[in-house]
PDB file of N, CA and C in Angstrom:
ATOM      1  N   UNK A   1     -96.308  11.996   3.501  1.00  0.00           N
ATOM      2  CA  UNK A   1     -97.129  12.409   4.644  1.00  0.00           C
ATOM      3  C   UNK A   1     -98.582  12.610   4.225  1.00  0.00           C
ATOM      4  N   UNK A   2     -98.770  13.172   3.022  1.00  0.00           N
ATOM      5  CA  UNK A   2    -100.132  13.415   2.550  1.00  0.00           C
ATOM      6  C   UNK A   2    -100.864  12.088   2.357  1.00  0.00           C
ATOM      7  N   UNK A   3    -100.166  11.116   1.766  1.00  0.00           N
ATOM      8  CA  UNK A   3    -100.788   9.814   1.530  1.00  0.00           C
ATOM      9  C   UNK A   3    -101.162   9.158   2.860  1.00  0.00           C
ATOM     10  N   UNK A   4    -100.276   9.299   3.845  1.00  0.00           N
ATOM     11  CA  UNK A   4    -100.546   8.716   5.159  1.00  0.00           C
ATOM     12  C   UNK A   4    -101.778   9.359   5.778  1.00  0.00           C
ATOM     13  N   UNK A   5    -101.886  10.684   5.639  1.00  0.00           N
ATOM     14  CA  UNK A   5    -103.034  11.394   6.194  1.00  0.00           C
ATOM     15  C   UNK A   5    -104.318  10.920   5.528  1.00  0.00           C
ATOM     16  N   UNK A   6    -104.277  10.760   4.216  1.00  0.00           N
ATOM     17  CA  UNK A   6    -105.464  10.292   3.491  1.00  0.00           C
ATOM     18  C   UNK A   6    -105.836   8.889   3.950  1.00  0.00           C
ATOM     19  N   UNK A   7    -104.835   8.044   4.127  1.00  0.00           N
ATOM     20  CA  UNK A   7    -105.095   6.676   4.573  1.00  0.00           C
ATOM     21  C   UNK A   7    -105.715   6.679   5.964  1.00  0.00           C
ATOM     22  N   UNK A   8    -105.169   7.515   6.833  1.00  0.00           N
ATOM     23  CA  UNK A   8    -105.701   7.585   8.193  1.00  0.00           C
ATOM     24  C   UNK A   8    -107.141   8.069   8.181  1.00  0.00           C
ATOM     25  N   UNK A   9    -107.442   9.042   7.321  1.00  0.00           N
ATOM     26  CA  UNK A   9    -108.813   9.551   7.228  1.00  0.00           C
ATOM     27  C   UNK A   9    -109.741   8.469   6.690  1.00  0.00           C
ATOM     28  N   UNK A  10    -109.258   7.698   5.715  1.00  0.00           N
ATOM     29  CA  UNK A  10    -110.062   6.629   5.135  1.00  0.00           C
ATOM     30  C   UNK A  10    -110.362   5.567   6.190  1.00  0.00           C
ATOM     31  N   UNK A  11    -109.339   5.206   6.948  1.00  0.00           N
ATOM     32  CA  UNK A  11    -109.513   4.206   8.007  1.00  0.00           C
ATOM     33  C   UNK A  11    -110.485   4.717   9.072  1.00  0.00           C
ATOM     34  N   UNK A  12    -110.355   5.994   9.424  1.00  0.00           N
ATOM     35  CA  UNK A  12    -111.240   6.578  10.432  1.00  0.00           C
ATOM     36  C   UNK A  12    -112.680   6.595   9.931  1.00  0.00           C
ATOM     37  N   UNK A  13    -112.868   6.933   8.665  1.00  0.00           N
ATOM     38  CA  UNK A  13    -114.213   6.964   8.092  1.00  0.00           C
ATOM     39  C   UNK A  13    -114.805   5.558   8.059  1.00  0.00           C
ATOM     40  N   UNK A  14    -113.972   4.579   7.712  1.00  0.00           N
ATOM     41  CA  UNK A  14    -114.440   3.192   7.663  1.00  0.00           C
ATOM     42  C   UNK A  14    -114.837   2.714   9.058  1.00  0.00           C
ATOM     43  N   UNK A  15    -114.004   3.040  10.050  1.00  0.00           N
ATOM     44  CA  UNK A  15    -114.300   2.648  11.428  1.00  0.00           C
ATOM     45  C   UNK A  15    -115.599   3.298  11.899  1.00  0.00           C
ATOM     46  N   UNK A  16    -115.800   4.548  11.511  1.00  0.00           N
ATOM     47  CA  UNK A  16    -117.018   5.262  11.891  1.00  0.00           C
ATOM     48  C   UNK A  16    -118.237   4.591  11.272  1.00  0.00           C
ATOM     49  N   UNK A  17    -118.111   4.192  10.009  1.00  0.00           N
ATOM     50  CA  UNK A  17    -119.225   3.534   9.323  1.00  0.00           C
ATOM     51  C   UNK A  17    -119.547   2.196   9.992  1.00  0.00           C
ATOM     52  N   UNK A  18    -118.514   1.452  10.353  1.00  0.00           N
ATOM     53  CA  UNK A  18    -118.718   0.157  11.008  1.00  0.00           C
ATOM     54  C   UNK A  18    -119.407   0.353  12.358  1.00  0.00           C
ATOM     55  N   UNK A  19    -118.974   1.378  13.095  1.00  0.00           N
ATOM     56  CA  UNK A  19    -119.580   1.663  14.400  1.00  0.00           C
ATOM     57  C   UNK A  19    -121.049   2.026  14.243  1.00  0.00           C
ATOM     58  N   UNK A  20    -121.334   2.867  13.244  1.00  0.00           N
ATOM     59  CA  UNK A  20    -122.718   3.274  12.988  1.00  0.00           C
ATOM     60  C   UNK A  20    -123.569   2.056  12.633  1.00  0.00           C
ATOM     61  N   UNK A  21    -123.023   1.175  11.791  1.00  0.00           N
ATOM     62  CA  UNK A  21    -123.750  -0.027  11.391  1.00  0.00           C
ATOM     63  C   UNK A  21    -124.004  -0.923  12.602  1.00  0.00           C
ATOM     64  N   UNK A  22    -123.008  -1.024  13.478  1.00  0.00           N
ATOM     65  CA  UNK A  22    -123.159  -1.850  14.677  1.00  0.00           C
ATOM     66  C   UNK A  22    -124.254  -1.300  15.592  1.00  0.00           C
ATOM     67  N   UNK A  23    -124.273   0.024  15.752  1.00  0.00           N
ATOM     68  CA  UNK A  23    -125.306   0.645  16.592  1.00  0.00           C
ATOM     69  C   UNK A  23    -126.684   0.437  15.979  1.00  0.00           C
ATOM     70  N   UNK A  24    -126.777   0.622  14.663  1.00  0.00           N
ATOM     71  CA  UNK A  24    -128.054   0.436  13.971  1.00  0.00           C
ATOM     72  C   UNK A  24    -128.533  -1.006  14.120  1.00  0.00           C
ATOM     73  N   UNK A  25    -127.602  -1.945  13.988  1.00  0.00           N
ATOM     74  CA  UNK A  25    -127.946  -3.361  14.128  1.00  0.00           C
ATOM     75  C   UNK A  25    -128.454  -3.656  15.540  1.00  0.00           C
ATOM     76  N   UNK A  26    -127.814  -3.029  16.537  1.00  0.00           N
ATOM     77  CA  UNK A  26    -128.236  -3.234  17.923  1.00  0.00           C
ATOM     78  C   UNK A  26    -129.654  -2.706  18.137  1.00  0.00           C
ATOM     79  N   UNK A  27    -129.952  -1.563  17.553  1.00  0.00           N
ATOM     80  CA  UNK A  27    -131.292  -0.978  17.681  1.00  0.00           C
ATOM     81  C   UNK A  27    -132.325  -1.895  17.030  1.00  0.00           C
ATOM     82  N   UNK A  28    -132.015  -2.387  15.842  1.00  0.00           N
ATOM     83  CA  UNK A  28    -132.930  -3.289  15.140  1.00  0.00           C
ATOM     84  C   UNK A  28    -133.123  -4.568  15.950  1.00  0.00           C
ATOM     85  N   UNK A  29    -132.051  -5.059  16.552  1.00  0.00           N
ATOM     86  CA  UNK A  29    -132.131  -6.288  17.339  1.00  0.00           C
ATOM     87  C   UNK A  29    -133.074  -6.115  18.526  1.00  0.00           C
ATOM     88  N   UNK A  30    -133.062  -4.931  19.137  1.00  0.00           N
ATOM     89  CA  UNK A  30    -133.940  -4.696  20.282  1.00  0.00           C
ATOM     90  C   UNK A  30    -135.371  -4.408  19.834  1.00  0.00           C
ATOM     91  N   UNK A  31    -135.516  -3.771  18.675  1.00  0.00           N
ATOM     92  CA  UNK A  31    -136.843  -3.399  18.197  1.00  0.00           C
ATOM     93  C   UNK A  31    -137.604  -4.603  17.639  1.00  0.00           C
ATOM     94  N   UNK A  32    -136.907  -5.417  16.846  1.00  0.00           N
ATOM     95  CA  UNK A  32    -137.558  -6.563  16.208  1.00  0.00           C
ATOM     96  C   UNK A  32    -136.650  -7.795  16.276  1.00  0.00           C
ATOM     97  N   UNK A  33    -136.656  -8.503  17.389  1.00  0.00           N
ATOM     98  CA  UNK A  33    -135.792  -9.671  17.571  1.00  0.00           C
ATOM     99  C   UNK A  33    -135.895 -10.721  16.464  1.00  0.00           C
ATOM    100  N   UNK A  34    -137.102 -11.088  16.007  1.00  0.00           N
ATOM    101  CA  UNK A  34    -137.192 -12.118  14.965  1.00  0.00           C
ATOM    102  C   UNK A  34    -136.481 -11.702  13.682  1.00  0.00           C
ATOM    103  N   UNK A  35    -136.674 -10.447  13.285  1.00  0.00           N
ATOM    104  CA  UNK A  35    -136.024  -9.957  12.067  1.00  0.00           C
ATOM    105  C   UNK A  35    -134.519  -9.956  12.251  1.00  0.00           C
ATOM    106  N   UNK A  36    -134.063  -9.473  13.397  1.00  0.00           N
ATOM    107  CA  UNK A  36    -132.633  -9.425  13.671  1.00  0.00           C
ATOM    108  C   UNK A  36    -132.045 -10.835  13.686  1.00  0.00           C
ATOM    109  N   UNK A  37    -132.758 -11.768  14.293  1.00  0.00           N
ATOM    110  CA  UNK A  37    -132.278 -13.146  14.348  1.00  0.00           C
ATOM    111  C   UNK A  37    -132.108 -13.719  12.947  1.00  0.00           C
ATOM    112  N   UNK A  38    -133.069 -13.458  12.067  1.00  0.00           N
ATOM    113  CA  UNK A  38    -132.979 -13.994  10.716  1.00  0.00           C
ATOM    114  C   UNK A  38    -131.818 -13.353   9.969  1.00  0.00           C
ATOM    115  N   UNK A  39    -131.593 -12.048  10.205  1.00  0.00           N
ATOM    116  CA  UNK A  39    -130.484 -11.366   9.540  1.00  0.00           C
ATOM    117  C   UNK A  39    -129.154 -11.929  10.020  1.00  0.00           C
ATOM    118  N   UNK A  40    -129.024 -12.118  11.338  1.00  0.00           N
ATOM    119  CA  UNK A  40    -127.787 -12.665  11.879  1.00  0.00           C
ATOM    120  C   UNK A  40    -127.577 -14.099  11.394  1.00  0.00           C
ATOM    121  N   UNK A  41    -128.665 -14.854  11.289  1.00  0.00           N
ATOM    122  CA  UNK A  41    -128.568 -16.234  10.830  1.00  0.00           C
ATOM    123  C   UNK A  41    -128.055 -16.265   9.393  1.00  0.00           C
ATOM    124  N   UNK A  42    -128.557 -15.347   8.572  1.00  0.00           N
ATOM    125  CA  UNK A  42    -128.115 -15.288   7.182  1.00  0.00           C
ATOM    126  C   UNK A  42    -126.649 -14.881   7.106  1.00  0.00           C
ATOM    127  N   UNK A  43    -126.220 -14.019   8.028  1.00  0.00           N
ATOM    128  CA  UNK A  43    -124.835 -13.550   8.036  1.00  0.00           C
ATOM    129  C   UNK A  43    -123.903 -14.610   8.619  1.00  0.00           C
ATOM    130  N   UNK A  44    -124.488 -15.598   9.284  1.00  0.00           N
ATOM    131  CA  UNK A  44    -123.681 -16.674   9.844  1.00  0.00           C
ATOM    132  C   UNK A  44    -122.991 -16.270  11.134  1.00  0.00           C
ATOM    133  N   UNK A  45    -123.542 -15.268  11.826  1.00  0.00           N
ATOM    134  CA  UNK A  45    -122.940 -14.830  13.081  1.00  0.00           C
ATOM    135  C   UNK A  45    -123.861 -15.179  14.235  1.00  0.00           C
ATOM    136  N   UNK A  46    -123.307 -15.179  15.428  1.00  0.00           N
ATOM    137  CA  UNK A  46    -124.087 -15.510  16.617  1.00  0.00           C
ATOM    138  C   UNK A  46    -124.607 -14.232  17.245  1.00  0.00           C
ATOM    139  N   UNK A  47    -125.886 -14.186  17.542  1.00  0.00           N
ATOM    140  CA  UNK A  47    -126.487 -12.996  18.155  1.00  0.00           C
ATOM    141  C   UNK A  47    -126.296 -13.060  19.662  1.00  0.00           C
ATOM    142  N   UNK A  48    -125.714 -12.000  20.209  1.00  0.00           N
ATOM    143  CA  UNK A  48    -125.513 -11.938  21.649  1.00  0.00           C
ATOM    144  C   UNK A  48    -126.692 -11.224  22.284  1.00  0.00           C
ATOM    145  N   UNK A  49    -127.210 -11.774  23.362  1.00  0.00           N
ATOM    146  CA  UNK A  49    -128.390 -11.197  24.008  1.00  0.00           C
ATOM    147  C   UNK A  49    -128.085  -9.807  24.537  1.00  0.00           C
TER     148      UNK A  49
END
């Protein structure tokens, strides 16, 4: 049970970090579109308007 709890906490922390990164990326995309476009291009992902 303890191991499961630790795993769940790790997964929750990881999900939180991903969400934070996504929000930060969205802010950067709105603040500086050219920079965001180049970052997304380097990452190989499609930027959604």
